[in-house]
Amino acid sequence: MPVSSAAVVDAGGISLPQVLAYAKAGALELALDSLDTNQPAYSKNPQTWLDWERAKFQLLQKAERWQGVANAAANLPKTLPQTDRTIFETDGAKAWLQLHHGLDARKLLRQLLWSGASTPDEKSVRLWRRLLIEAYLEDNLTDDARLALLQYQADYRIDGRRERDVLARVWLRVGEPRYALDLLKPDAHDTNWLYLLASLRAGARPAATLERDAIHAAQGKHVAPEDAARLWGVAAAAALQRRNWAGAVVALERFLALAPNLPLNPLLPYDGDTLWNTYRHFGEMLGNRDRILLGDDAAWEAAAKRAGKSNHPTQVRAYNALLALTGQTPAGRMTGYRWLLTALLAEPGGTTLVDRLFLSAPKTFAHLSELPVPVRLVLANDAVDRHDLNLAARLMVGVDQAPAGESPYDWTLRVARVLILGGKPKAGVAQLHDLIERSPMLDKAQADRLMQVLFNLQSLKLNQQAIDLFKALLPHLTDIQLRREVLFWEGDSYQAMGHYRESARKYLASALLDQAQAYDQWGQTARYNAAQMLVKAGMKGDARRILSDLLARTKAPARVTFLKQKLAELGPSSIAALGAG
């Protein structure tokens, strides 16, 4: 719907074009918040209100806030002209369909079609009837949908690809693929996922041929990810139909890694459970071929290793998935999960694939607590990375100690990171203190991994907690350079807190800890930082002496120029000033 570009300004001074500019710049939430707080009342200025309301609907749809659209359509002013009301309520019906509320959509559409408030134009009636068919399908009222669709096609000439696609999807949903194929023939080509799916469902072409064509199209150079997901979904449907378990595994993995949401649409209803079931079928077929009994964990592990050496990665994943699902011992099941996770995370889109495999498999894992603990930690780390802190916190419930086969040190670090970034820093810091106390001495690799988590604390501005941990860590390090680094990063935290004198002490301690290397690159950087902190602490004389000492030992022309400039910024020394007098 068009929005007036008039510079409508509310009392607070924000204009509608400004709000739309926020949205254009990517700040959708800010724009919507500005709309909510600044839209004038309808009773005071109906036309101005209407301009803002059009923008609201436009932005809510762009942000995919469908409940907001539905609510706004249900709360329009009673005196709003019918023409405008019709446009908003049509958007409301579309929103209910997006929310999969077929009944609410039908109520609104019937009101639009048969209220008798005014005579609607034919274009609107056609749209509402088409939406009504989709609303029937949302509640699996297939007989109603089929009847409405037959009446629709009898009343209207179907032209245009978009309408053909919509109606073809309906015919497929109600189990009439031949009708769908007839509609799609004008757009018949092997990159049209809907045409390929209709051909498969109608038996118009061999499933093996359609699987091959869908894969070829999905791997095209310029195929958008969502289109590729649809094509991989068709390939999966064809492979599943002909019980090509290896091909189905590959297609489902690609589908789950690329689909923007699950299910992608009702015609491709694949989720994590689908892939688990396919792994099971493929694994059982391989096991029968190899004469491996379920429960013989060692045999399944050995078979997975042989498949890996023979460069059959799909078989490796199937073996490990079946071991994870049916292993006789906890250790065997854990081995299967661990190897499967490692393999999947190395695949393109592996993180998304792992999320879908475990978090969208309600039949395999009905509750998060049923997920293996190592898997939960991987998923929790991913949830933290994408800022889904609520999911991360729920995944961490009950994760108290490292499972068998996991390094207790690395396990505690991962748990602490999730807790810190997941909104429970106190618990995470406690884990780190306990880890340091339990580690008499730490080597460089261990210390580096620990400091990465401490940097997370600094990024969250939890500098005092970071300082306490740096202090606790220092006695557990024997490597001089590591100790220098800890002192340096501690100085960074004091600087962030505005404690400039203490920051300068830590930087100098970092520089001077190794007298043999006191003027190496690290030492010079630490001294320079100390000088900057001394300036902020009001000790310009100390800062000048440190910088002068660095200048006397520096030969690089650019560095010399830089240090002279910094000294000049401090002004003349008190001794020089007395001499000048």
Protein backbone atom coordinates (compact mmCIF):
# COMPACT_ATOMS: atom_id res chain seq x y z
CA MET A 1 0.00 0.00 0.00
CA PRO A 2 1.46 3.45 -0.89
CA VAL A 3 2.48 5.78 1.91
CA SER A 4 2.28 9.53 1.54
CA SER A 5 5.68 11.21 1.48
CA ALA A 6 4.33 14.33 3.14
CA ALA A 7 6.52 15.44 5.98
CA VAL A 8 3.92 14.76 8.64
CA VAL A 9 5.46 15.81 11.93
CA ASP A 10 4.17 14.91 15.38
CA ALA A 11 4.36 17.17 18.40
CA GLY A 12 7.68 15.64 19.42
CA GLY A 13 9.27 16.64 16.12
CA ILE A 14 9.65 13.22 14.40
CA SER A 15 8.32 13.16 10.85
CA LEU A 16 6.98 10.16 9.01
CA PRO A 17 9.76 10.41 6.38
CA GLN A 18 12.28 10.24 9.25
CA VAL A 19 10.61 7.08 10.51
CA LEU A 20 10.70 5.54 7.05
CA ALA A 21 14.36 6.54 6.74
CA TYR A 22 15.10 4.56 9.93
CA ALA A 23 13.50 1.51 8.34
CA LYS A 24 15.35 1.99 5.05
CA ALA A 25 18.62 2.13 6.99
CA GLY A 26 17.79 -1.24 8.56
CA ALA A 27 16.48 -0.04 11.94
CA LEU A 28 13.04 -1.65 11.62
CA GLU A 29 12.45 -2.00 15.35
CA LEU A 30 13.37 1.64 15.94
CA ALA A 31 11.03 2.69 13.15
CA LEU A 32 8.14 0.67 14.56
CA ASP A 33 8.78 2.00 18.05
CA SER A 34 8.75 5.54 16.65
CA LEU A 35 5.45 4.81 14.93
CA ASP A 36 3.89 3.48 18.13
CA THR A 37 4.91 6.49 20.20
CA ASN A 38 4.37 9.25 17.64
CA GLN A 39 1.35 8.32 15.51
CA PRO A 40 -1.28 11.04 15.92
CA ALA A 41 -4.81 10.15 17.07
CA TYR A 42 -7.35 9.32 14.37
CA SER A 43 -9.93 11.62 15.96
CA LYS A 44 -7.63 14.64 15.66
CA ASN A 45 -6.39 14.19 12.10
CA PRO A 46 -7.79 11.17 10.18
CA GLN A 47 -5.67 11.69 7.04
CA THR A 48 -2.42 12.04 8.96
CA TRP A 49 -3.31 9.00 11.07
CA LEU A 50 -3.96 7.06 7.85
CA ASP A 51 -0.53 7.91 6.44
CA TRP A 52 1.11 6.62 9.63
CA GLU A 53 -1.12 3.52 9.72
CA ARG A 54 -0.17 2.60 6.16
CA ALA A 55 3.47 2.87 7.13
CA LYS A 56 2.85 0.72 10.23
CA PHE A 57 1.31 -2.09 8.19
CA GLN A 58 4.09 -1.84 5.64
CA LEU A 59 6.85 -2.10 8.25
CA LEU A 60 5.15 -4.79 10.33
CA GLN A 61 4.95 -6.95 7.21
CA LYS A 62 8.55 -6.23 6.33
CA ALA A 63 9.59 -7.25 9.85
CA GLU A 64 7.38 -10.37 9.57
CA ARG A 65 5.54 -9.39 12.74
CA TRP A 66 2.37 -11.11 11.63
CA GLN A 67 0.62 -11.01 14.99
CA GLY A 68 1.12 -7.25 15.01
CA VAL A 69 -0.47 -6.99 11.56
CA ALA A 70 -3.44 -9.14 12.64
CA ASN A 71 -3.93 -7.11 15.83
CA ALA A 72 -3.76 -3.81 13.97
CA ALA A 73 -6.32 -5.02 11.43
CA ALA A 74 -8.67 -5.99 14.26
CA ASN A 75 -8.45 -2.59 15.98
CA LEU A 76 -9.18 -0.10 13.22
CA PRO A 77 -11.31 2.97 14.01
CA LYS A 78 -15.02 2.29 13.50
CA THR A 79 -15.45 5.36 11.31
CA LEU A 80 -12.57 4.48 8.96
CA PRO A 81 -13.80 4.58 5.34
CA GLN A 82 -14.58 1.13 3.96
CA THR A 83 -12.04 1.41 1.14
CA ASP A 84 -9.16 1.84 3.57
CA ARG A 85 -10.58 -0.70 6.02
CA THR A 86 -10.75 -3.31 3.25
CA ILE A 87 -7.04 -2.90 2.42
CA PHE A 88 -5.97 -3.25 6.06
CA GLU A 89 -8.25 -6.22 6.75
CA THR A 90 -6.94 -8.00 3.65
CA ASP A 91 -3.47 -7.64 5.10
CA GLY A 92 -4.86 -8.99 8.37
CA ALA A 93 -6.20 -12.11 6.63
CA LYS A 94 -2.80 -12.70 5.03
CA ALA A 95 -1.18 -12.32 8.45
CA TRP A 96 -3.49 -14.95 9.99
CA LEU A 97 -2.43 -17.32 7.23
CA GLN A 98 1.22 -16.63 7.97
CA LEU A 99 0.45 -17.50 11.60
CA HIS A 100 -1.30 -20.71 10.43
CA HIS A 101 -4.59 -19.59 12.04
CA GLY A 102 -6.96 -20.81 9.36
CA LEU A 103 -10.13 -20.16 11.36
CA ASP A 104 -9.24 -16.52 12.11
CA ALA A 105 -8.34 -15.96 8.45
CA ARG A 106 -11.66 -17.47 7.30
CA LYS A 107 -13.66 -15.29 9.69
CA LEU A 108 -12.07 -12.15 8.33
CA LEU A 109 -12.29 -13.25 4.70
CA ARG A 110 -15.98 -14.18 4.99
CA GLN A 111 -16.62 -10.78 6.51
CA LEU A 112 -14.85 -9.14 3.58
CA LEU A 113 -16.70 -11.27 1.02
CA TRP A 114 -20.22 -11.20 2.41
CA SER A 115 -20.58 -8.32 4.86
CA GLY A 116 -22.52 -6.31 2.28
CA ALA A 117 -21.05 -3.05 3.64
CA SER A 118 -20.14 -2.07 0.09
CA THR A 119 -19.68 -3.66 -3.30
CA PRO A 120 -16.06 -4.79 -3.54
CA ASP A 121 -14.15 -4.70 -6.80
CA GLU A 122 -13.69 -7.97 -8.71
CA LYS A 123 -9.92 -8.01 -8.19
CA SER A 124 -10.34 -7.96 -4.40
CA VAL A 125 -13.02 -10.68 -4.49
CA ARG A 126 -10.72 -12.89 -6.56
CA LEU A 127 -7.90 -12.43 -4.06
CA TRP A 128 -10.15 -13.14 -1.05
CA ARG A 129 -11.49 -16.33 -2.62
CA ARG A 130 -7.96 -17.53 -3.28
CA LEU A 131 -6.95 -16.73 0.30
CA LEU A 132 -10.04 -18.54 1.56
CA ILE A 133 -8.89 -21.71 -0.22
CA GLU A 134 -5.53 -21.45 1.57
CA ALA A 135 -7.34 -20.87 4.86
CA TYR A 136 -9.25 -24.14 4.42
CA LEU A 137 -5.95 -25.94 3.91
CA GLU A 138 -4.47 -24.48 7.09
CA ASP A 139 -7.00 -26.58 9.04
CA ASN A 140 -6.78 -29.58 6.67
CA LEU A 141 -10.32 -28.97 5.37
CA THR A 142 -9.31 -30.53 2.06
CA ASP A 143 -12.85 -31.21 0.80
CA ASP A 144 -13.81 -27.55 1.32
CA ALA A 145 -10.56 -26.44 -0.32
CA ARG A 146 -11.10 -28.74 -3.33
CA LEU A 147 -14.68 -27.52 -3.86
CA ALA A 148 -13.69 -23.86 -3.51
CA LEU A 149 -10.82 -24.34 -5.94
CA LEU A 150 -13.04 -26.01 -8.56
CA GLN A 151 -15.49 -23.10 -8.28
CA TYR A 152 -12.64 -20.61 -8.52
CA GLN A 153 -11.23 -22.17 -11.68
CA ALA A 154 -14.72 -22.30 -13.19
CA ASP A 155 -15.23 -18.58 -12.57
CA TYR A 156 -11.82 -17.24 -13.56
CA ARG A 157 -9.32 -17.71 -16.30
CA ILE A 158 -6.02 -18.60 -14.67
CA ASP A 159 -3.16 -16.55 -16.03
CA GLY A 160 0.14 -15.46 -14.59
CA ARG A 161 2.77 -17.66 -13.02
CA ARG A 162 2.17 -16.47 -9.46
CA GLU A 163 -1.49 -17.49 -9.51
CA ARG A 164 -0.71 -20.79 -11.24
CA ASP A 165 1.87 -21.57 -8.54
CA VAL A 166 -0.58 -20.80 -5.73
CA LEU A 167 -3.34 -22.95 -7.18
CA ALA A 168 -0.95 -25.76 -8.09
CA ARG A 169 0.20 -25.90 -4.46
CA VAL A 170 -3.42 -26.25 -3.41
CA TRP A 171 -4.01 -29.15 -5.83
CA LEU A 172 -0.90 -30.87 -4.49
CA ARG A 173 -2.08 -30.32 -0.92
CA VAL A 174 -5.47 -31.90 -1.64
CA GLY A 175 -3.88 -34.90 -3.39
CA GLU A 176 -4.56 -34.01 -7.03
CA PRO A 177 -1.08 -33.70 -8.60
CA ARG A 178 -2.38 -34.13 -12.17
CA TYR A 179 -4.41 -30.93 -11.89
CA ALA A 180 -1.33 -29.19 -10.47
CA LEU A 181 0.79 -30.42 -13.37
CA ASP A 182 -1.74 -29.13 -15.91
CA LEU A 183 -1.59 -25.68 -14.31
CA LEU A 184 2.23 -25.65 -14.26
CA LYS A 185 2.84 -26.78 -17.84
CA PRO A 186 3.26 -23.19 -19.14
CA ASP A 187 6.18 -22.84 -16.67
CA ALA A 188 7.61 -26.32 -17.20
CA HIS A 189 11.37 -26.41 -16.74
CA ASP A 190 13.79 -28.33 -14.58
CA THR A 191 14.63 -25.46 -12.23
CA ASN A 192 11.00 -25.00 -11.13
CA TRP A 193 10.82 -26.98 -7.89
CA LEU A 194 7.01 -26.99 -7.91
CA TYR A 195 6.87 -28.42 -11.43
CA LEU A 196 9.39 -31.12 -10.48
CA LEU A 197 7.42 -31.99 -7.35
CA ALA A 198 4.13 -32.16 -9.23
CA SER A 199 5.78 -34.41 -11.84
CA LEU A 200 6.99 -36.69 -9.05
CA ARG A 201 3.64 -36.85 -7.28
CA ALA A 202 1.78 -37.47 -10.56
CA GLY A 203 4.23 -40.14 -11.68
CA ALA A 204 4.80 -38.23 -14.91
CA ARG A 205 8.55 -38.91 -14.96
CA PRO A 206 10.81 -41.48 -13.27
CA ALA A 207 11.73 -40.56 -9.69
CA ALA A 208 15.43 -41.17 -10.40
CA THR A 209 15.34 -38.66 -13.27
CA LEU A 210 13.58 -36.05 -11.13
CA GLU A 211 16.03 -36.58 -8.28
CA ARG A 212 18.94 -36.03 -10.67
CA ASP A 213 17.35 -32.93 -12.23
CA ALA A 214 16.53 -31.39 -8.83
CA ILE A 215 20.10 -31.91 -7.59
CA HIS A 216 21.54 -30.42 -10.78
CA ALA A 217 19.29 -27.35 -10.45
CA ALA A 218 20.05 -26.95 -6.72
CA GLN A 219 23.79 -26.84 -7.46
CA GLY A 220 23.47 -24.09 -10.04
CA LYS A 221 25.85 -21.15 -9.63
CA HIS A 222 23.29 -18.41 -9.17
CA VAL A 223 20.57 -20.24 -7.24
CA ALA A 224 19.37 -18.39 -4.12
CA PRO A 225 19.68 -20.40 -0.87
CA GLU A 226 15.90 -20.67 -0.36
CA ASP A 227 15.38 -21.86 -3.94
CA ALA A 228 18.22 -24.36 -3.50
CA ALA A 229 16.55 -25.62 -0.31
CA ARG A 230 13.29 -26.24 -2.21
CA LEU A 231 15.12 -28.13 -4.94
CA TRP A 232 17.01 -30.24 -2.40
CA GLY A 233 13.63 -30.91 -0.77
CA VAL A 234 12.31 -32.25 -4.09
CA ALA A 235 15.46 -34.37 -4.48
CA ALA A 236 14.83 -35.75 -0.98
CA ALA A 237 11.20 -36.53 -1.86
CA ALA A 238 12.30 -38.43 -4.99
CA ALA A 239 15.05 -40.30 -3.13
CA LEU A 240 12.73 -41.25 -0.29
CA GLN A 241 10.07 -42.44 -2.75
CA ARG A 242 12.51 -44.88 -4.33
CA ARG A 243 14.19 -45.77 -1.04
CA ASN A 244 17.54 -44.39 -2.16
CA TRP A 245 18.67 -43.88 1.44
CA ALA A 246 22.15 -42.59 0.60
CA GLY A 247 20.76 -39.96 -1.76
CA ALA A 248 18.01 -39.06 0.70
CA VAL A 249 20.57 -38.47 3.46
CA VAL A 250 22.57 -36.06 1.31
CA ALA A 251 19.48 -34.22 0.05
CA LEU A 252 17.95 -33.88 3.52
CA GLU A 253 21.22 -32.62 5.00
CA ARG A 254 21.44 -29.92 2.32
CA PHE A 255 17.75 -29.09 2.75
CA LEU A 256 18.04 -28.67 6.53
CA ALA A 257 21.22 -26.59 6.20
CA LEU A 258 19.66 -24.17 3.69
CA ALA A 259 15.95 -23.91 4.57
CA PRO A 260 15.23 -20.51 6.18
CA ASN A 261 12.64 -22.12 8.47
CA LEU A 262 11.08 -25.49 9.17
CA PRO A 263 8.92 -26.71 7.71
CA LEU A 264 9.87 -24.72 4.63
CA ASN A 265 6.31 -25.21 3.35
CA PRO A 266 3.61 -27.87 3.80
CA LEU A 267 4.69 -29.64 0.59
CA LEU A 268 8.22 -30.24 1.91
CA PRO A 269 7.46 -31.25 5.51
CA TYR A 270 10.96 -32.36 6.41
CA ASP A 271 12.58 -31.79 9.80
CA GLY A 272 15.22 -33.32 12.02
CA ASP A 273 13.10 -36.41 12.61
CA THR A 274 13.01 -37.07 8.86
CA LEU A 275 16.80 -37.10 8.70
CA TRP A 276 17.13 -39.30 11.81
CA ASN A 277 14.71 -41.82 10.28
CA THR A 278 16.65 -41.77 7.03
CA TYR A 279 19.95 -42.27 8.84
CA ARG A 280 18.35 -45.25 10.57
CA HIS A 281 17.12 -46.82 7.31
CA PHE A 282 20.48 -46.30 5.61
CA GLY A 283 22.42 -47.53 8.63
CA GLU A 284 20.26 -50.65 8.96
CA MET A 285 20.74 -51.41 5.25
CA LEU A 286 24.51 -51.08 5.65
CA GLY A 287 24.47 -53.15 8.83
CA ASN A 288 22.54 -55.94 7.12
CA ARG A 289 25.04 -55.90 4.28
CA ASP A 290 27.94 -56.11 6.77
CA ARG A 291 26.10 -58.60 9.03
CA ILE A 292 26.40 -56.28 12.07
CA LEU A 293 23.96 -56.79 14.93
CA LEU A 294 22.31 -53.85 16.68
CA GLY A 295 23.97 -53.44 20.06
CA ASP A 296 27.42 -54.56 18.88
CA ASP A 297 28.90 -51.10 19.47
CA ALA A 298 32.48 -52.06 18.63
CA ALA A 299 31.42 -53.46 15.25
CA TRP A 300 29.50 -50.30 14.34
CA GLU A 301 32.48 -48.13 15.35
CA ALA A 302 34.81 -50.27 13.26
CA ALA A 303 32.46 -50.10 10.27
CA ALA A 304 32.33 -46.29 10.54
CA LYS A 305 36.14 -46.15 10.57
CA ARG A 306 36.40 -48.43 7.51
CA ALA A 307 33.88 -46.27 5.63
CA GLY A 308 35.94 -43.19 6.50
CA LYS A 309 39.15 -44.75 5.19
CA SER A 310 37.31 -45.72 2.00
CA ASN A 311 36.10 -42.12 1.59
CA HIS A 312 32.38 -42.82 2.03
CA PRO A 313 31.37 -39.90 4.31
CA THR A 314 27.62 -40.47 3.95
CA GLN A 315 28.04 -44.03 5.13
CA VAL A 316 30.17 -42.82 8.04
CA ARG A 317 27.36 -40.51 9.18
CA ALA A 318 24.76 -43.28 8.86
CA TYR A 319 26.86 -45.74 10.89
CA ASN A 320 27.46 -43.17 13.62
CA ALA A 321 23.82 -42.04 13.69
CA LEU A 322 22.66 -45.62 14.17
CA LEU A 323 25.31 -46.15 16.87
CA ALA A 324 24.08 -42.98 18.59
CA LEU A 325 20.45 -44.10 18.46
CA THR A 326 20.81 -47.80 19.24
CA GLY A 327 24.18 -48.25 20.98
CA GLN A 328 24.16 -50.81 23.78
CA THR A 329 26.32 -48.74 26.15
CA PRO A 330 26.34 -45.05 27.07
CA ALA A 331 29.97 -44.85 25.90
CA GLY A 332 29.03 -46.35 22.54
CA ARG A 333 26.09 -43.99 22.03
CA MET A 334 28.26 -41.03 23.02
CA THR A 335 30.91 -42.06 20.50
CA GLY A 336 28.25 -42.11 17.79
CA TYR A 337 26.97 -38.66 18.71
CA ARG A 338 30.46 -37.19 18.96
CA TRP A 339 31.61 -38.49 15.58
CA LEU A 340 28.33 -37.53 13.91
CA LEU A 341 28.55 -34.00 15.31
CA THR A 342 32.15 -33.62 14.19
CA ALA A 343 31.30 -34.76 10.67
CA LEU A 344 28.22 -32.56 10.31
CA LEU A 345 29.89 -29.42 11.63
CA ALA A 346 32.50 -29.78 8.89
CA GLU A 347 29.79 -29.72 6.20
CA PRO A 348 28.63 -26.46 4.51
CA GLY A 349 26.05 -24.88 6.80
CA GLY A 350 26.98 -27.47 9.43
CA THR A 351 25.98 -25.38 12.43
CA THR A 352 22.47 -24.82 11.10
CA LEU A 353 22.24 -28.49 10.13
CA VAL A 354 23.17 -29.63 13.64
CA ASP A 355 20.63 -27.22 15.16
CA ARG A 356 17.87 -28.58 12.93
CA LEU A 357 18.86 -32.22 13.47
CA PHE A 358 18.59 -31.93 17.25
CA LEU A 359 16.24 -29.01 17.91
CA SER A 360 13.60 -29.75 15.26
CA ALA A 361 13.23 -33.47 15.95
CA PRO A 362 10.33 -33.66 18.45
CA LYS A 363 9.82 -37.40 17.98
CA THR A 364 13.48 -38.26 18.50
CA PHE A 365 14.08 -35.72 21.29
CA ALA A 366 10.81 -34.63 22.85
CA HIS A 367 12.55 -32.47 25.48
CA LEU A 368 15.88 -30.64 25.62
CA SER A 369 16.82 -32.73 28.67
CA GLU A 370 16.83 -35.81 26.41
CA LEU A 371 19.68 -34.41 24.30
CA PRO A 372 23.14 -35.83 25.10
CA VAL A 373 25.06 -33.39 27.26
CA PRO A 374 27.95 -32.80 24.77
CA VAL A 375 25.37 -32.05 22.07
CA ARG A 376 23.58 -29.62 24.35
CA LEU A 377 26.80 -27.73 24.94
CA VAL A 378 27.51 -27.44 21.21
CA LEU A 379 23.97 -26.18 20.64
CA ALA A 380 24.21 -23.80 23.60
CA ASN A 381 27.42 -22.26 22.24
CA ASP A 382 25.74 -21.75 18.89
CA ALA A 383 22.68 -20.24 20.59
CA VAL A 384 24.93 -17.77 22.43
CA ASP A 385 26.68 -16.84 19.18
CA ARG A 386 23.34 -15.93 17.58
CA HIS A 387 22.16 -14.18 20.79
CA ASP A 388 19.41 -16.69 21.63
CA LEU A 389 20.20 -16.50 25.33
CA ASN A 390 16.92 -18.04 26.44
CA LEU A 391 17.62 -21.23 24.48
CA ALA A 392 21.22 -21.29 25.71
CA ALA A 393 20.06 -21.09 29.33
CA ARG A 394 17.50 -23.89 28.84
CA LEU A 395 20.09 -26.10 27.17
CA MET A 396 22.47 -25.65 30.11
CA VAL A 397 20.04 -26.84 32.79
CA GLY A 398 21.60 -29.85 34.53
CA VAL A 399 24.96 -29.60 32.76
CA ASP A 400 27.19 -30.01 35.82
CA GLN A 401 30.18 -32.17 34.95
CA ALA A 402 32.09 -33.41 31.94
CA PRO A 403 30.80 -36.65 30.45
CA ALA A 404 33.11 -39.61 29.85
CA GLY A 405 35.59 -39.00 27.08
CA GLU A 406 35.57 -35.21 27.42
CA SER A 407 38.49 -33.15 28.74
CA PRO A 408 37.29 -31.75 32.11
CA TYR A 409 39.37 -28.60 31.52
CA ASP A 410 37.95 -27.84 28.05
CA TRP A 411 34.47 -28.86 29.17
CA THR A 412 34.50 -26.39 32.06
CA LEU A 413 35.76 -23.63 29.76
CA ARG A 414 32.93 -24.21 27.28
CA VAL A 415 30.33 -24.30 30.05
CA ALA A 416 31.73 -21.10 31.58
CA ARG A 417 31.64 -19.31 28.24
CA VAL A 418 28.00 -20.24 27.67
CA LEU A 419 27.06 -19.13 31.17
CA ILE A 420 28.92 -15.82 30.87
CA LEU A 421 27.58 -14.91 27.42
CA GLY A 422 24.21 -16.49 28.16
CA GLY A 423 23.35 -14.06 30.94
CA LYS A 424 24.70 -15.94 33.98
CA PRO A 425 28.18 -14.41 34.42
CA LYS A 426 28.32 -15.02 38.18
CA ALA A 427 27.96 -18.78 37.65
CA GLY A 428 30.45 -18.70 34.78
CA VAL A 429 33.04 -16.79 36.83
CA ALA A 430 32.63 -19.28 39.67
CA GLN A 431 33.32 -22.12 37.21
CA LEU A 432 36.53 -20.38 36.08
CA HIS A 433 37.79 -19.79 39.62
CA ASP A 434 37.19 -23.44 40.43
CA LEU A 435 38.97 -24.48 37.22
CA ILE A 436 42.05 -22.40 38.06
CA GLU A 437 42.18 -23.72 41.60
CA ARG A 438 42.05 -27.30 40.30
CA SER A 439 44.89 -26.68 37.81
CA PRO A 440 48.30 -26.50 39.58
CA MET A 441 50.06 -25.31 36.41
CA LEU A 442 48.71 -24.37 33.00
CA ASP A 443 50.56 -24.73 29.71
CA LYS A 444 50.38 -22.14 26.95
CA ALA A 445 47.51 -23.80 25.03
CA GLN A 446 45.38 -24.10 28.18
CA ALA A 447 46.10 -20.54 29.25
CA ASP A 448 45.32 -19.16 25.79
CA ARG A 449 41.92 -20.88 25.77
CA LEU A 450 41.16 -19.61 29.27
CA MET A 451 42.10 -16.05 28.37
CA GLN A 452 39.69 -16.12 25.41
CA VAL A 453 36.88 -16.55 27.95
CA LEU A 454 38.30 -13.75 30.09
CA PHE A 455 38.20 -11.52 27.02
CA ASN A 456 34.45 -12.30 26.87
CA LEU A 457 34.19 -10.85 30.39
CA GLN A 458 36.02 -7.72 29.28
CA SER A 459 33.75 -7.36 26.23
CA LEU A 460 30.76 -7.42 28.62
CA LYS A 461 32.46 -4.71 30.73
CA LEU A 462 32.80 -7.14 33.66
CA ASN A 463 36.32 -5.89 34.22
CA GLN A 464 36.56 -6.41 37.98
CA GLN A 465 35.63 -10.07 37.53
CA ALA A 466 38.26 -10.33 34.77
CA ILE A 467 40.89 -8.71 37.03
CA ASP A 468 40.15 -11.15 39.85
CA LEU A 469 40.60 -14.06 37.46
CA PHE A 470 43.79 -12.64 35.94
CA LYS A 471 45.22 -12.34 39.45
CA ALA A 472 44.15 -15.91 40.27
CA LEU A 473 45.66 -17.18 37.03
CA LEU A 474 49.10 -15.58 37.34
CA PRO A 475 50.58 -17.97 40.00
CA HIS A 476 49.59 -20.96 37.84
CA LEU A 477 51.80 -19.88 34.93
CA THR A 478 55.52 -20.62 34.54
CA ASP A 479 55.99 -19.22 31.05
CA ILE A 480 57.35 -15.67 31.35
CA GLN A 481 55.66 -14.38 28.20
CA LEU A 482 52.30 -15.73 29.35
CA ARG A 483 52.75 -13.94 32.67
CA ARG A 484 53.55 -10.71 30.79
CA GLU A 485 50.38 -11.10 28.73
CA VAL A 486 48.23 -11.63 31.82
CA LEU A 487 49.61 -8.45 33.40
CA PHE A 488 49.03 -6.54 30.17
CA TRP A 489 45.38 -7.63 29.84
CA GLU A 490 44.87 -6.86 33.51
CA GLY A 491 46.11 -3.37 32.73
CA ASP A 492 43.49 -3.15 29.97
CA SER A 493 40.74 -3.91 32.48
CA TYR A 494 41.98 -1.30 34.96
CA GLN A 495 42.09 1.21 32.09
CA ALA A 496 38.48 0.38 31.14
CA MET A 497 37.45 1.02 34.75
CA GLY A 498 39.22 4.39 34.80
CA HIS A 499 41.86 3.26 37.32
CA TYR A 500 44.73 4.77 35.39
CA ARG A 501 47.51 4.55 38.00
CA GLU A 502 46.88 0.84 38.59
CA SER A 503 46.65 0.33 34.85
CA ALA A 504 50.07 1.98 34.39
CA ARG A 505 51.53 -0.29 37.12
CA LYS A 506 50.29 -3.41 35.32
CA TYR A 507 51.59 -2.27 31.93
CA LEU A 508 55.01 -1.52 33.41
CA ALA A 509 55.06 -4.81 35.28
CA SER A 510 54.34 -6.55 31.95
CA ALA A 511 57.24 -4.72 30.29
CA LEU A 512 59.73 -5.28 33.12
CA LEU A 513 58.94 -8.88 34.09
CA ASP A 514 61.57 -10.21 31.66
CA GLN A 515 64.59 -7.95 32.03
CA ALA A 516 66.36 -9.65 29.12
CA GLN A 517 63.47 -8.68 26.86
CA ALA A 518 62.47 -5.46 28.57
CA TYR A 519 62.68 -3.49 25.31
CA ASP A 520 61.34 -6.09 22.89
CA GLN A 521 58.23 -5.24 20.86
CA TRP A 522 55.95 -6.38 23.67
CA GLY A 523 57.89 -4.38 26.25
CA GLN A 524 57.85 -1.22 24.14
CA THR A 525 54.09 -1.49 23.60
CA ALA A 526 53.51 -2.01 27.32
CA ARG A 527 55.71 0.99 28.19
CA TYR A 528 53.89 3.20 25.70
CA ASN A 529 50.52 2.16 27.16
CA ALA A 530 51.86 2.88 30.65
CA ALA A 531 52.87 6.37 29.52
CA GLN A 532 49.37 7.05 28.18
CA MET A 533 47.82 5.96 31.50
CA LEU A 534 50.25 8.16 33.46
CA VAL A 535 49.15 11.14 31.39
CA LYS A 536 45.53 10.41 32.29
CA ALA A 537 46.54 10.01 35.93
CA GLY A 538 48.11 13.49 35.88
CA MET A 539 51.73 12.25 36.00
CA LYS A 540 53.01 13.90 32.83
CA GLY A 541 56.61 13.96 34.04
CA ASP A 542 56.68 10.16 34.40
CA ALA A 543 55.01 9.79 31.01
CA ARG A 544 57.57 12.14 29.40
CA ARG A 545 60.52 10.17 30.84
CA ILE A 546 59.13 6.84 29.59
CA LEU A 547 58.46 8.22 26.11
CA SER A 548 61.91 9.90 25.99
CA ASP A 549 63.52 6.60 26.96
CA LEU A 550 61.61 4.84 24.17
CA LEU A 551 62.63 7.58 21.70
CA ALA A 552 66.30 7.16 22.58
CA ARG A 553 66.10 3.42 21.80
CA THR A 554 64.04 3.72 18.61
CA LYS A 555 65.58 3.75 15.14
CA ALA A 556 62.53 3.29 12.88
CA PRO A 557 61.84 6.74 11.28
CA ALA A 558 58.05 6.48 11.50
CA ARG A 559 58.25 5.43 15.15
CA VAL A 560 60.65 8.28 15.94
CA THR A 561 58.27 10.81 14.38
CA PHE A 562 55.32 9.35 16.28
CA LEU A 563 57.08 9.47 19.68
CA LYS A 564 58.30 13.05 19.08
CA GLN A 565 54.72 14.05 18.33
CA LYS A 566 53.48 12.44 21.56
CA LEU A 567 56.19 14.21 23.56
CA ALA A 568 55.30 17.53 21.96
CA GLU A 569 51.68 17.03 22.97
CA LEU A 570 52.81 16.90 26.62
CA GLY A 571 54.30 20.41 26.36
CA PRO A 572 57.75 21.46 27.61
CA SER A 573 59.16 19.75 30.70
CA SER A 574 59.37 21.75 33.93
CA ILE A 575 63.20 21.80 33.69
CA ALA A 576 63.04 23.11 30.11
CA ALA A 577 60.52 25.73 31.17
CA LEU A 578 62.82 26.97 33.99
CA GLY A 579 65.78 27.17 31.57
CA ALA A 580 63.73 29.21 29.14
CA GLY A 581 62.92 31.66 31.89
